């Protein structure tokens, strides 16, 4: 098992930036992939980005070129750097570890993009 704690969310103006962090309770060296998902009000949870243990990343089309996922295994943390934020990026962002049936989720962090 692994516990995940997200942080870094908040209110930001359109065009602004935020960096989300996901701290794991144990080593993530062998966990692949790590990922970020988001859920906007009245919408289903959707993939934002994933990163494998080898550092290969994958992004949703809606965030390509704006978001960057990275992992720092030495501190058991995954990051999501978000730039050029848009109002449609408003959502609860969740960290994910592994794949089904052994997938773990964090509690989420709120991101609101508004002027």
PDB file of N, CA and C in Angstrom:
ATOM      1  N   UNK A   1       0.827  -1.199   0.000  1.00  0.00           N
ATOM      2  CA  UNK A   1       0.000   0.000   0.000  1.00  0.00           C
ATOM      3  C   UNK A   1       0.864   1.252   0.000  1.00  0.00           C
ATOM      4  N   UNK A   2       0.253   2.341  -0.453  1.00  0.00           N
ATOM      5  CA  UNK A   2       0.943   3.623  -0.430  1.00  0.00           C
ATOM      6  C   UNK A   2      -0.099   4.707  -0.210  1.00  0.00           C
ATOM      7  N   UNK A   3       0.194   5.630   0.671  1.00  0.00           N
ATOM      8  CA  UNK A   3      -0.667   6.796   0.867  1.00  0.00           C
ATOM      9  C   UNK A   3      -0.098   7.967   0.072  1.00  0.00           C
ATOM     10  N   UNK A   4      -0.999   8.722  -0.534  1.00  0.00           N
ATOM     11  CA  UNK A   4      -0.607   9.848  -1.375  1.00  0.00           C
ATOM     12  C   UNK A   4      -1.245  11.123  -0.842  1.00  0.00           C
ATOM     13  N   UNK A   5      -0.450  12.170  -0.744  1.00  0.00           N
ATOM     14  CA  UNK A   5      -0.956  13.453  -0.266  1.00  0.00           C
ATOM     15  C   UNK A   5      -0.592  14.532  -1.274  1.00  0.00           C
ATOM     16  N   UNK A   6      -1.636  15.138  -1.848  1.00  0.00           N
ATOM     17  CA  UNK A   6      -1.425  16.209  -2.812  1.00  0.00           C
ATOM     18  C   UNK A   6      -1.375  17.561  -2.115  1.00  0.00           C
ATOM     19  N   UNK A   7      -0.657  18.484  -2.722  1.00  0.00           N
ATOM     20  CA  UNK A   7      -0.613  19.856  -2.228  1.00  0.00           C
ATOM     21  C   UNK A   7      -0.296  20.792  -3.384  1.00  0.00           C
ATOM     22  N   UNK A   8      -0.480  22.088  -3.138  1.00  0.00           N
ATOM     23  CA  UNK A   8      -0.120  23.072  -4.140  1.00  0.00           C
ATOM     24  C   UNK A   8      -1.275  23.694  -4.895  1.00  0.00           C
ATOM     25  N   UNK A   9      -2.479  23.212  -4.645  1.00  0.00           N
ATOM     26  CA  UNK A   9      -3.628  23.791  -5.327  1.00  0.00           C
ATOM     27  C   UNK A   9      -3.964  25.171  -4.794  1.00  0.00           C
ATOM     28  N   UNK A  10      -4.902  25.817  -5.467  1.00  0.00           N
ATOM     29  CA  UNK A  10      -5.324  27.136  -5.024  1.00  0.00           C
ATOM     30  C   UNK A  10      -6.022  27.892  -6.118  1.00  0.00           C
ATOM     31  N   UNK A  11      -6.170  29.183  -5.883  1.00  0.00           N
ATOM     32  CA  UNK A  11      -6.818  30.072  -6.845  1.00  0.00           C
ATOM     33  C   UNK A  11      -5.748  30.801  -7.645  1.00  0.00           C
ATOM     34  N   UNK A  12      -5.903  30.807  -8.948  1.00  0.00           N
ATOM     35  CA  UNK A  12      -4.932  31.460  -9.828  1.00  0.00           C
ATOM     36  C   UNK A  12      -5.678  32.115 -10.970  1.00  0.00           C
ATOM     37  N   UNK A  13      -5.135  33.203 -11.462  1.00  0.00           N
ATOM     38  CA  UNK A  13      -5.762  33.892 -12.586  1.00  0.00           C
ATOM     39  C   UNK A  13      -5.455  33.180 -13.893  1.00  0.00           C
ATOM     40  N   UNK A  14      -6.315  33.347 -14.882  1.00  0.00           N
ATOM     41  CA  UNK A  14      -6.008  32.779 -16.207  1.00  0.00           C
ATOM     42  C   UNK A  14      -4.644  33.243 -16.700  1.00  0.00           C
ATOM     43  N   UNK A  15      -3.906  32.293 -17.262  1.00  0.00           N
ATOM     44  CA  UNK A  15      -2.548  32.577 -17.713  1.00  0.00           C
ATOM     45  C   UNK A  15      -1.493  32.339 -16.662  1.00  0.00           C
ATOM     46  N   UNK A  16      -1.917  32.096 -15.439  1.00  0.00           N
ATOM     47  CA  UNK A  16      -0.988  31.886 -14.345  1.00  0.00           C
ATOM     48  C   UNK A  16      -0.449  30.468 -14.287  1.00  0.00           C
ATOM     49  N   UNK A  17       0.349  30.214 -13.242  1.00  0.00           N
ATOM     50  CA  UNK A  17       0.997  28.919 -13.075  1.00  0.00           C
ATOM     51  C   UNK A  17       0.813  28.405 -11.652  1.00  0.00           C
ATOM     52  N   UNK A  18       0.847  27.097 -11.535  1.00  0.00           N
ATOM     53  CA  UNK A  18       0.845  26.417 -10.235  1.00  0.00           C
ATOM     54  C   UNK A  18       1.694  25.170 -10.365  1.00  0.00           C
ATOM     55  N   UNK A  19       2.267  24.752  -9.242  1.00  0.00           N
ATOM     56  CA  UNK A  19       2.946  23.462  -9.204  1.00  0.00           C
ATOM     57  C   UNK A  19       2.316  22.601  -8.126  1.00  0.00           C
ATOM     58  N   UNK A  20       1.782  21.469  -8.551  1.00  0.00           N
ATOM     59  CA  UNK A  20       1.207  20.507  -7.620  1.00  0.00           C
ATOM     60  C   UNK A  20       2.266  19.486  -7.222  1.00  0.00           C
ATOM     61  N   UNK A  21       2.164  19.043  -5.980  1.00  0.00           N
ATOM     62  CA  UNK A  21       3.063  18.007  -5.481  1.00  0.00           C
ATOM     63  C   UNK A  21       2.240  16.840  -4.954  1.00  0.00           C
ATOM     64  N   UNK A  22       2.788  15.669  -5.092  1.00  0.00           N
ATOM     65  CA  UNK A  22       2.165  14.445  -4.567  1.00  0.00           C
ATOM     66  C   UNK A  22       3.235  13.698  -3.782  1.00  0.00           C
ATOM     67  N   UNK A  23       3.075  13.699  -2.465  1.00  0.00           N
ATOM     68  CA  UNK A  23       4.042  13.032  -1.593  1.00  0.00           C
ATOM     69  C   UNK A  23       3.536  11.637  -1.240  1.00  0.00           C
ATOM     70  N   UNK A  24       4.364  10.659  -1.449  1.00  0.00           N
ATOM     71  CA  UNK A  24       4.002   9.270  -1.153  1.00  0.00           C
ATOM     72  C   UNK A  24       4.569   8.837   0.189  1.00  0.00           C
ATOM     73  N   UNK A  25       3.884   7.876   0.807  1.00  0.00           N
ATOM     74  CA  UNK A  25       4.268   7.419   2.141  1.00  0.00           C
ATOM     75  C   UNK A  25       5.427   6.444   2.126  1.00  0.00           C
ATOM     76  N   UNK A  26       5.785   5.959   0.937  1.00  0.00           N
ATOM     77  CA  UNK A  26       6.910   5.040   0.825  1.00  0.00           C
ATOM     78  C   UNK A  26       7.577   5.249  -0.526  1.00  0.00           C
ATOM     79  N   UNK A  27       8.602   4.498  -0.768  1.00  0.00           N
ATOM     80  CA  UNK A  27       9.337   4.625  -2.009  1.00  0.00           C
ATOM     81  C   UNK A  27       8.440   4.401  -3.220  1.00  0.00           C
ATOM     82  N   UNK A  28       8.585   5.272  -4.210  1.00  0.00           N
ATOM     83  CA  UNK A  28       7.832   5.113  -5.458  1.00  0.00           C
ATOM     84  C   UNK A  28       8.738   4.622  -6.576  1.00  0.00           C
ATOM     85  N   UNK A  29       9.943   4.218  -6.223  1.00  0.00           N
ATOM     86  CA  UNK A  29      10.930   3.828  -7.232  1.00  0.00           C
ATOM     87  C   UNK A  29      10.381   2.778  -8.177  1.00  0.00           C
ATOM     88  N   UNK A  30       9.625   1.833  -7.641  1.00  0.00           N
ATOM     89  CA  UNK A  30       9.141   0.724  -8.457  1.00  0.00           C
ATOM     90  C   UNK A  30       7.708   0.914  -8.929  1.00  0.00           C
ATOM     91  N   UNK A  31       7.105   2.050  -8.625  1.00  0.00           N
ATOM     92  CA  UNK A  31       5.703   2.259  -8.983  1.00  0.00           C
ATOM     93  C   UNK A  31       5.630   2.915 -10.365  1.00  0.00           C
ATOM     94  N   UNK A  32       4.896   2.248 -11.242  1.00  0.00           N
ATOM     95  CA  UNK A  32       4.758   2.749 -12.602  1.00  0.00           C
ATOM     96  C   UNK A  32       3.404   2.371 -13.162  1.00  0.00           C
ATOM     97  N   UNK A  33       2.645   3.357 -13.662  1.00  0.00           N
ATOM     98  CA  UNK A  33       3.044   4.747 -13.663  1.00  0.00           C
ATOM     99  C   UNK A  33       2.573   5.484 -12.409  1.00  0.00           C
ATOM    100  N   UNK A  34       3.098   6.675 -12.247  1.00  0.00           N
ATOM    101  CA  UNK A  34       2.507   7.664 -11.358  1.00  0.00           C
ATOM    102  C   UNK A  34       1.749   8.630 -12.255  1.00  0.00           C
ATOM    103  N   UNK A  35       0.680   9.199 -11.730  1.00  0.00           N
ATOM    104  CA  UNK A  35      -0.104  10.050 -12.605  1.00  0.00           C
ATOM    105  C   UNK A  35      -0.907  11.106 -11.889  1.00  0.00           C
ATOM    106  N   UNK A  36      -1.418  12.011 -12.684  1.00  0.00           N
ATOM    107  CA  UNK A  36      -2.344  13.045 -12.230  1.00  0.00           C
ATOM    108  C   UNK A  36      -3.632  12.932 -13.037  1.00  0.00           C
ATOM    109  N   UNK A  37      -4.730  13.005 -12.322  1.00  0.00           N
ATOM    110  CA  UNK A  37      -6.048  13.022 -12.928  1.00  0.00           C
ATOM    111  C   UNK A  37      -6.789  14.236 -12.367  1.00  0.00           C
ATOM    112  N   UNK A  38      -7.882  14.593 -12.993  1.00  0.00           N
ATOM    113  CA  UNK A  38      -8.676  15.706 -12.485  1.00  0.00           C
ATOM    114  C   UNK A  38     -10.159  15.443 -12.703  1.00  0.00           C
ATOM    115  N   UNK A  39     -10.953  16.074 -11.863  1.00  0.00           N
ATOM    116  CA  UNK A  39     -12.400  15.959 -11.981  1.00  0.00           C
ATOM    117  C   UNK A  39     -13.009  17.330 -11.781  1.00  0.00           C
ATOM    118  N   UNK A  40     -13.630  17.833 -12.824  1.00  0.00           N
ATOM    119  CA  UNK A  40     -14.323  19.111 -12.765  1.00  0.00           C
ATOM    120  C   UNK A  40     -15.744  18.874 -12.266  1.00  0.00           C
ATOM    121  N   UNK A  41     -16.386  19.918 -11.754  1.00  0.00           N
ATOM    122  CA  UNK A  41     -17.756  19.759 -11.263  1.00  0.00           C
ATOM    123  C   UNK A  41     -18.673  19.148 -12.321  1.00  0.00           C
ATOM    124  N   UNK A  42     -19.407  18.140 -11.925  1.00  0.00           N
ATOM    125  CA  UNK A  42     -20.385  17.467 -12.777  1.00  0.00           C
ATOM    126  C   UNK A  42     -19.758  16.791 -13.988  1.00  0.00           C
ATOM    127  N   UNK A  43     -18.489  16.500 -13.911  1.00  0.00           N
ATOM    128  CA  UNK A  43     -17.827  15.774 -14.990  1.00  0.00           C
ATOM    129  C   UNK A  43     -17.117  14.551 -14.429  1.00  0.00           C
ATOM    130  N   UNK A  44     -16.789  13.618 -15.305  1.00  0.00           N
ATOM    131  CA  UNK A  44     -16.075  12.424 -14.889  1.00  0.00           C
ATOM    132  C   UNK A  44     -14.579  12.734 -14.697  1.00  0.00           C
ATOM    133  N   UNK A  45     -13.963  11.903 -13.869  1.00  0.00           N
ATOM    134  CA  UNK A  45     -12.528  12.043 -13.672  1.00  0.00           C
ATOM    135  C   UNK A  45     -11.810  11.740 -14.985  1.00  0.00           C
ATOM    136  N   UNK A  46     -10.805  12.540 -15.320  1.00  0.00           N
ATOM    137  CA  UNK A  46     -10.076  12.344 -16.562  1.00  0.00           C
ATOM    138  C   UNK A  46      -8.572  12.370 -16.319  1.00  0.00           C
ATOM    139  N   UNK A  47      -7.869  11.689 -17.201  1.00  0.00           N
ATOM    140  CA  UNK A  47      -6.419  11.657 -17.109  1.00  0.00           C
ATOM    141  C   UNK A  47      -5.845  13.015 -17.495  1.00  0.00           C
ATOM    142  N   UNK A  48      -4.827  13.439 -16.757  1.00  0.00           N
ATOM    143  CA  UNK A  48      -4.096  14.657 -17.100  1.00  0.00           C
ATOM    144  C   UNK A  48      -2.723  14.275 -17.640  1.00  0.00           C
ATOM    145  N   UNK A  49      -1.985  13.493 -16.852  1.00  0.00           N
ATOM    146  CA  UNK A  49      -0.630  13.114 -17.259  1.00  0.00           C
ATOM    147  C   UNK A  49      -0.184  11.913 -16.451  1.00  0.00           C
ATOM    148  N   UNK A  50       0.677  11.103 -17.066  1.00  0.00           N
ATOM    149  CA  UNK A  50       1.287   9.991 -16.360  1.00  0.00           C
ATOM    150  C   UNK A  50       2.783   9.961 -16.649  1.00  0.00           C
ATOM    151  N   UNK A  51       3.513   9.301 -15.766  1.00  0.00           N
ATOM    152  CA  UNK A  51       4.949   9.143 -15.965  1.00  0.00           C
ATOM    153  C   UNK A  51       5.366   7.757 -15.486  1.00  0.00           C
ATOM    154  N   UNK A  52       6.132   7.068 -16.303  1.00  0.00           N
ATOM    155  CA  UNK A  52       6.568   5.729 -15.948  1.00  0.00           C
ATOM    156  C   UNK A  52       7.787   5.784 -15.027  1.00  0.00           C
ATOM    157  N   UNK A  53       8.167   4.619 -14.543  1.00  0.00           N
ATOM    158  CA  UNK A  53       9.356   4.530 -13.702  1.00  0.00           C
ATOM    159  C   UNK A  53      10.618   4.918 -14.469  1.00  0.00           C
ATOM    160  N   UNK A  54      10.546   4.835 -15.777  1.00  0.00           N
ATOM    161  CA  UNK A  54      11.689   5.199 -16.621  1.00  0.00           C
ATOM    162  C   UNK A  54      11.652   6.654 -17.060  1.00  0.00           C
ATOM    163  N   UNK A  55      10.615   7.372 -16.611  1.00  0.00           N
ATOM    164  CA  UNK A  55      10.534   8.784 -16.929  1.00  0.00           C
ATOM    165  C   UNK A  55       9.788   9.125 -18.203  1.00  0.00           C
ATOM    166  N   UNK A  56       9.147   8.131 -18.802  1.00  0.00           N
ATOM    167  CA  UNK A  56       8.380   8.401 -20.018  1.00  0.00           C
ATOM    168  C   UNK A  56       7.037   8.992 -19.627  1.00  0.00           C
ATOM    169  N   UNK A  57       6.704  10.109 -20.228  1.00  0.00           N
ATOM    170  CA  UNK A  57       5.473  10.809 -19.849  1.00  0.00           C
ATOM    171  C   UNK A  57       4.433  10.762 -20.961  1.00  0.00           C
ATOM    172  N   UNK A  58       3.199  10.936 -20.537  1.00  0.00           N
ATOM    173  CA  UNK A  58       2.060  10.952 -21.464  1.00  0.00           C
ATOM    174  C   UNK A  58       1.095  12.024 -20.980  1.00  0.00           C
ATOM    175  N   UNK A  59       0.533  12.784 -21.907  1.00  0.00           N
ATOM    176  CA  UNK A  59      -0.346  13.887 -21.549  1.00  0.00           C
ATOM    177  C   UNK A  59      -1.664  13.830 -22.300  1.00  0.00           C
ATOM    178  N   UNK A  60      -2.694  14.318 -21.640  1.00  0.00           N
ATOM    179  CA  UNK A  60      -3.951  14.548 -22.334  1.00  0.00           C
ATOM    180  C   UNK A  60      -3.736  15.665 -23.353  1.00  0.00           C
ATOM    181  N   UNK A  61      -4.443  15.583 -24.463  1.00  0.00           N
ATOM    182  CA  UNK A  61      -4.290  16.597 -25.505  1.00  0.00           C
ATOM    183  C   UNK A  61      -4.573  18.001 -24.976  1.00  0.00           C
ATOM    184  N   UNK A  62      -5.483  18.098 -24.042  1.00  0.00           N
ATOM    185  CA  UNK A  62      -5.905  19.406 -23.548  1.00  0.00           C
ATOM    186  C   UNK A  62      -4.822  20.132 -22.740  1.00  0.00           C
ATOM    187  N   UNK A  63      -3.810  19.396 -22.298  1.00  0.00           N
ATOM    188  CA  UNK A  63      -2.771  20.027 -21.475  1.00  0.00           C
ATOM    189  C   UNK A  63      -1.389  19.969 -22.109  1.00  0.00           C
ATOM    190  N   UNK A  64      -1.270  19.323 -23.249  1.00  0.00           N
ATOM    191  CA  UNK A  64       0.037  19.213 -23.907  1.00  0.00           C
ATOM    192  C   UNK A  64       0.618  20.602 -24.182  1.00  0.00           C
ATOM    193  N   UNK A  65       1.895  20.745 -23.858  1.00  0.00           N
ATOM    194  CA  UNK A  65       2.562  22.021 -24.066  1.00  0.00           C
ATOM    195  C   UNK A  65       2.376  23.005 -22.929  1.00  0.00           C
ATOM    196  N   UNK A  66       1.480  22.698 -22.003  1.00  0.00           N
ATOM    197  CA  UNK A  66       1.229  23.614 -20.880  1.00  0.00           C
ATOM    198  C   UNK A  66       1.606  22.984 -19.534  1.00  0.00           C
ATOM    199  N   UNK A  67       1.403  21.685 -19.409  1.00  0.00           N
ATOM    200  CA  UNK A  67       1.666  20.979 -18.152  1.00  0.00           C
ATOM    201  C   UNK A  67       2.878  20.071 -18.317  1.00  0.00           C
ATOM    202  N   UNK A  68       3.613  19.896 -17.228  1.00  0.00           N
ATOM    203  CA  UNK A  68       4.764  18.992 -17.217  1.00  0.00           C
ATOM    204  C   UNK A  68       4.732  18.148 -15.954  1.00  0.00           C
ATOM    205  N   UNK A  69       4.761  16.836 -16.149  1.00  0.00           N
ATOM    206  CA  UNK A  69       4.808  15.910 -15.021  1.00  0.00           C
ATOM    207  C   UNK A  69       6.255  15.477 -14.811  1.00  0.00           C
ATOM    208  N   UNK A  70       6.636  15.336 -13.556  1.00  0.00           N
ATOM    209  CA  UNK A  70       7.982  14.861 -13.237  1.00  0.00           C
ATOM    210  C   UNK A  70       7.921  14.077 -11.936  1.00  0.00           C
ATOM    211  N   UNK A  71       8.963  13.303 -11.704  1.00  0.00           N
ATOM    212  CA  UNK A  71       9.015  12.517 -10.470  1.00  0.00           C
ATOM    213  C   UNK A  71      10.404  12.623  -9.865  1.00  0.00           C
ATOM    214  N   UNK A  72      10.428  12.699  -8.538  1.00  0.00           N
ATOM    215  CA  UNK A  72      11.689  12.717  -7.801  1.00  0.00           C
ATOM    216  C   UNK A  72      11.643  11.540  -6.836  1.00  0.00           C
ATOM    217  N   UNK A  73      12.091  10.402  -7.308  1.00  0.00           N
ATOM    218  CA  UNK A  73      11.972   9.178  -6.518  1.00  0.00           C
ATOM    219  C   UNK A  73      12.734   9.287  -5.195  1.00  0.00           C
ATOM    220  N   UNK A  74      13.809  10.056  -5.170  1.00  0.00           N
ATOM    221  CA  UNK A  74      14.624  10.145  -3.958  1.00  0.00           C
ATOM    222  C   UNK A  74      13.824  10.741  -2.800  1.00  0.00           C
ATOM    223  N   UNK A  75      12.814  11.573  -3.124  1.00  0.00           N
ATOM    224  CA  UNK A  75      11.972  12.154  -2.074  1.00  0.00           C
ATOM    225  C   UNK A  75      10.537  11.674  -2.184  1.00  0.00           C
ATOM    226  N   UNK A  76      10.336  10.604  -2.968  1.00  0.00           N
ATOM    227  CA  UNK A  76       9.017   9.966  -3.069  1.00  0.00           C
ATOM    228  C   UNK A  76       7.916  10.957  -3.467  1.00  0.00           C
ATOM    229  N   UNK A  77       8.204  11.792  -4.438  1.00  0.00           N
ATOM    230  CA  UNK A  77       7.276  12.851  -4.812  1.00  0.00           C
ATOM    231  C   UNK A  77       7.129  12.944  -6.328  1.00  0.00           C
ATOM    232  N   UNK A  78       5.911  13.215  -6.739  1.00  0.00           N
ATOM    233  CA  UNK A  78       5.599  13.477  -8.140  1.00  0.00           C
ATOM    234  C   UNK A  78       5.055  14.902  -8.238  1.00  0.00           C
ATOM    235  N   UNK A  79       5.420  15.574  -9.292  1.00  0.00           N
ATOM    236  CA  UNK A  79       5.024  16.975  -9.472  1.00  0.00           C
ATOM    237  C   UNK A  79       4.215  17.146 -10.756  1.00  0.00           C
ATOM    238  N   UNK A  80       3.410  18.187 -10.751  1.00  0.00           N
ATOM    239  CA  UNK A  80       2.718  18.608 -11.970  1.00  0.00           C
ATOM    240  C   UNK A  80       2.885  20.121 -12.069  1.00  0.00           C
ATOM    241  N   UNK A  81       3.728  20.547 -12.978  1.00  0.00           N
ATOM    242  CA  UNK A  81       3.908  21.972 -13.245  1.00  0.00           C
ATOM    243  C   UNK A  81       2.870  22.392 -14.272  1.00  0.00           C
ATOM    244  N   UNK A  82       2.049  23.358 -13.895  1.00  0.00           N
ATOM    245  CA  UNK A  82       0.972  23.808 -14.773  1.00  0.00           C
ATOM    246  C   UNK A  82       1.208  25.273 -15.132  1.00  0.00           C
ATOM    247  N   UNK A  83       1.227  25.556 -16.414  1.00  0.00           N
ATOM    248  CA  UNK A  83       1.409  26.924 -16.884  1.00  0.00           C
ATOM    249  C   UNK A  83       0.281  27.289 -17.844  1.00  0.00           C
ATOM    250  N   UNK A  84       0.183  28.573 -18.153  1.00  0.00           N
ATOM    251  CA  UNK A  84      -0.856  29.063 -19.065  1.00  0.00           C
ATOM    252  C   UNK A  84      -2.219  28.497 -18.689  1.00  0.00           C
ATOM    253  N   UNK A  85      -2.536  28.571 -17.440  1.00  0.00           N
ATOM    254  CA  UNK A  85      -3.779  27.974 -16.947  1.00  0.00           C
ATOM    255  C   UNK A  85      -5.000  28.665 -17.519  1.00  0.00           C
ATOM    256  N   UNK A  86      -6.026  27.866 -17.748  1.00  0.00           N
ATOM    257  CA  UNK A  86      -7.282  28.332 -18.330  1.00  0.00           C
ATOM    258  C   UNK A  86      -8.421  28.034 -17.348  1.00  0.00           C
ATOM    259  N   UNK A  87      -9.514  28.770 -17.459  1.00  0.00           N
ATOM    260  CA  UNK A  87     -10.660  28.474 -16.578  1.00  0.00           C
ATOM    261  C   UNK A  87     -11.117  27.022 -16.674  1.00  0.00           C
ATOM    262  N   UNK A  88     -10.990  26.423 -17.828  1.00  0.00           N
ATOM    263  CA  UNK A  88     -11.409  25.025 -17.986  1.00  0.00           C
ATOM    264  C   UNK A  88     -10.476  24.037 -17.302  1.00  0.00           C
ATOM    265  N   UNK A  89      -9.373  24.511 -16.759  1.00  0.00           N
ATOM    266  CA  UNK A  89      -8.505  23.649 -15.955  1.00  0.00           C
ATOM    267  C   UNK A  89      -8.990  23.545 -14.511  1.00  0.00           C
ATOM    268  N   UNK A  90     -10.004  24.299 -14.158  1.00  0.00           N
ATOM    269  CA  UNK A  90     -10.560  24.247 -12.814  1.00  0.00           C
ATOM    270  C   UNK A  90     -11.088  22.848 -12.516  1.00  0.00           C
ATOM    271  N   UNK A  91     -10.603  22.273 -11.432  1.00  0.00           N
ATOM    272  CA  UNK A  91     -10.982  20.904 -11.083  1.00  0.00           C
ATOM    273  C   UNK A  91     -10.310  20.518  -9.766  1.00  0.00           C
ATOM    274  N   UNK A  92     -10.693  19.361  -9.266  1.00  0.00           N
ATOM    275  CA  UNK A  92      -9.940  18.725  -8.196  1.00  0.00           C
ATOM    276  C   UNK A  92      -8.919  17.815  -8.867  1.00  0.00           C
ATOM    277  N   UNK A  93      -7.674  17.976  -8.488  1.00  0.00           N
ATOM    278  CA  UNK A  93      -6.597  17.202  -9.091  1.00  0.00           C
ATOM    279  C   UNK A  93      -6.174  16.093  -8.129  1.00  0.00           C
ATOM    280  N   UNK A  94      -6.136  14.886  -8.670  1.00  0.00           N
ATOM    281  CA  UNK A  94      -5.816  13.703  -7.879  1.00  0.00           C
ATOM    282  C   UNK A  94      -4.510  13.065  -8.356  1.00  0.00           C
ATOM    283  N   UNK A  95      -3.730  12.647  -7.396  1.00  0.00           N
ATOM    284  CA  UNK A  95      -2.528  11.872  -7.688  1.00  0.00           C
ATOM    285  C   UNK A  95      -2.894  10.395  -7.704  1.00  0.00           C
ATOM    286  N   UNK A  96      -2.251   9.648  -8.584  1.00  0.00           N
ATOM    287  CA  UNK A  96      -2.524   8.226  -8.717  1.00  0.00           C
ATOM    288  C   UNK A  96      -1.204   7.463  -8.767  1.00  0.00           C
ATOM    289  N   UNK A  97      -1.213   6.278  -8.141  1.00  0.00           N
ATOM    290  CA  UNK A  97      -0.032   5.411  -8.164  1.00  0.00           C
ATOM    291  C   UNK A  97      -0.441   4.037  -8.640  1.00  0.00           C
ATOM    292  N   UNK A  98       0.281   3.516  -9.646  1.00  0.00           N
ATOM    293  CA  UNK A  98       0.030   2.170 -10.116  1.00  0.00           C
ATOM    294  C   UNK A  98      -1.145   2.077 -11.069  1.00  0.00           C
ATOM    295  N   UNK A  99      -1.563   0.836 -11.324  1.00  0.00           N
ATOM    296  CA  UNK A  99      -2.686   0.573 -12.208  1.00  0.00           C
ATOM    297  C   UNK A  99      -3.617  -0.423 -11.550  1.00  0.00           C
ATOM    298  N   UNK A 100      -4.829  -0.514 -12.105  1.00  0.00           N
ATOM    299  CA  UNK A 100      -5.787  -1.480 -11.577  1.00  0.00           C
ATOM    300  C   UNK A 100      -5.244  -2.896 -11.714  1.00  0.00           C
ATOM    301  N   UNK A 101      -5.504  -3.764 -10.748  1.00  0.00           N
ATOM    302  CA  UNK A 101      -6.342  -3.550  -9.569  1.00  0.00           C
ATOM    303  C   UNK A 101      -5.596  -2.971  -8.369  1.00  0.00           C
ATOM    304  N   UNK A 102      -4.347  -2.596  -8.542  1.00  0.00           N
ATOM    305  CA  UNK A 102      -3.558  -2.066  -7.419  1.00  0.00           C
ATOM    306  C   UNK A 102      -3.253  -0.595  -7.630  1.00  0.00           C
ATOM    307  N   UNK A 103      -4.305   0.184  -7.813  1.00  0.00           N
ATOM    308  CA  UNK A 103      -4.150   1.629  -7.983  1.00  0.00           C
ATOM    309  C   UNK A 103      -4.506   2.320  -6.687  1.00  0.00           C
ATOM    310  N   UNK A 104      -3.727   3.336  -6.360  1.00  0.00           N
ATOM    311  CA  UNK A 104      -3.973   4.119  -5.149  1.00  0.00           C
ATOM    312  C   UNK A 104      -4.212   5.576  -5.546  1.00  0.00           C
ATOM    313  N   UNK A 105      -5.074   6.238  -4.751  1.00  0.00           N
ATOM    314  CA  UNK A 105      -5.440   7.629  -5.032  1.00  0.00           C
ATOM    315  C   UNK A 105      -5.184   8.487  -3.806  1.00  0.00           C
ATOM    316  N   UNK A 106      -4.857   9.746  -4.074  1.00  0.00           N
ATOM    317  CA  UNK A 106      -4.804  10.719  -3.006  1.00  0.00           C
ATOM    318  C   UNK A 106      -6.172  11.323  -2.796  1.00  0.00           C
ATOM    319  N   UNK A 107      -6.249  12.259  -1.858  1.00  0.00           N
ATOM    320  CA  UNK A 107      -7.522  12.899  -1.522  1.00  0.00           C
ATOM    321  C   UNK A 107      -7.858  14.038  -2.462  1.00  0.00           C
ATOM    322  N   UNK A 108      -6.893  14.516  -3.198  1.00  0.00           N
ATOM    323  CA  UNK A 108      -7.141  15.580  -4.158  1.00  0.00           C
ATOM    324  C   UNK A 108      -6.791  16.963  -3.639  1.00  0.00           C
ATOM    325  N   UNK A 109      -6.498  17.857  -4.572  1.00  0.00           N
ATOM    326  CA  UNK A 109      -6.251  19.257  -4.249  1.00  0.00           C
ATOM    327  C   UNK A 109      -7.002  20.112  -5.262  1.00  0.00           C
ATOM    328  N   UNK A 110      -7.642  21.175  -4.760  1.00  0.00           N
ATOM    329  CA  UNK A 110      -8.492  21.993  -5.610  1.00  0.00           C
ATOM    330  C   UNK A 110      -7.666  23.026  -6.370  1.00  0.00           C
ATOM    331  N   UNK A 111      -7.958  23.142  -7.643  1.00  0.00           N
ATOM    332  CA  UNK A 111      -7.370  24.184  -8.476  1.00  0.00           C
ATOM    333  C   UNK A 111      -8.508  24.984  -9.098  1.00  0.00           C
ATOM    334  N   UNK A 112      -8.491  26.283  -8.864  1.00  0.00           N
ATOM    335  CA  UNK A 112      -9.503  27.163  -9.435  1.00  0.00           C
ATOM    336  C   UNK A 112      -8.803  28.229 -10.263  1.00  0.00           C
ATOM    337  N   UNK A 113      -9.186  28.316 -11.524  1.00  0.00           N
ATOM    338  CA  UNK A 113      -8.615  29.311 -12.429  1.00  0.00           C
ATOM    339  C   UNK A 113      -9.705  30.326 -12.745  1.00  0.00           C
ATOM    340  N   UNK A 114      -9.538  31.511 -12.211  1.00  0.00           N
ATOM    341  CA  UNK A 114     -10.583  32.523 -12.351  1.00  0.00           C
ATOM    342  C   UNK A 114      -9.992  33.910 -12.141  1.00  0.00           C
ATOM    343  N   UNK A 115     -10.591  34.874 -12.826  1.00  0.00           N
ATOM    344  CA  UNK A 115     -10.170  36.267 -12.637  1.00  0.00           C
ATOM    345  C   UNK A 115     -11.064  36.952 -11.617  1.00  0.00           C
TER     346      UNK A 115
END
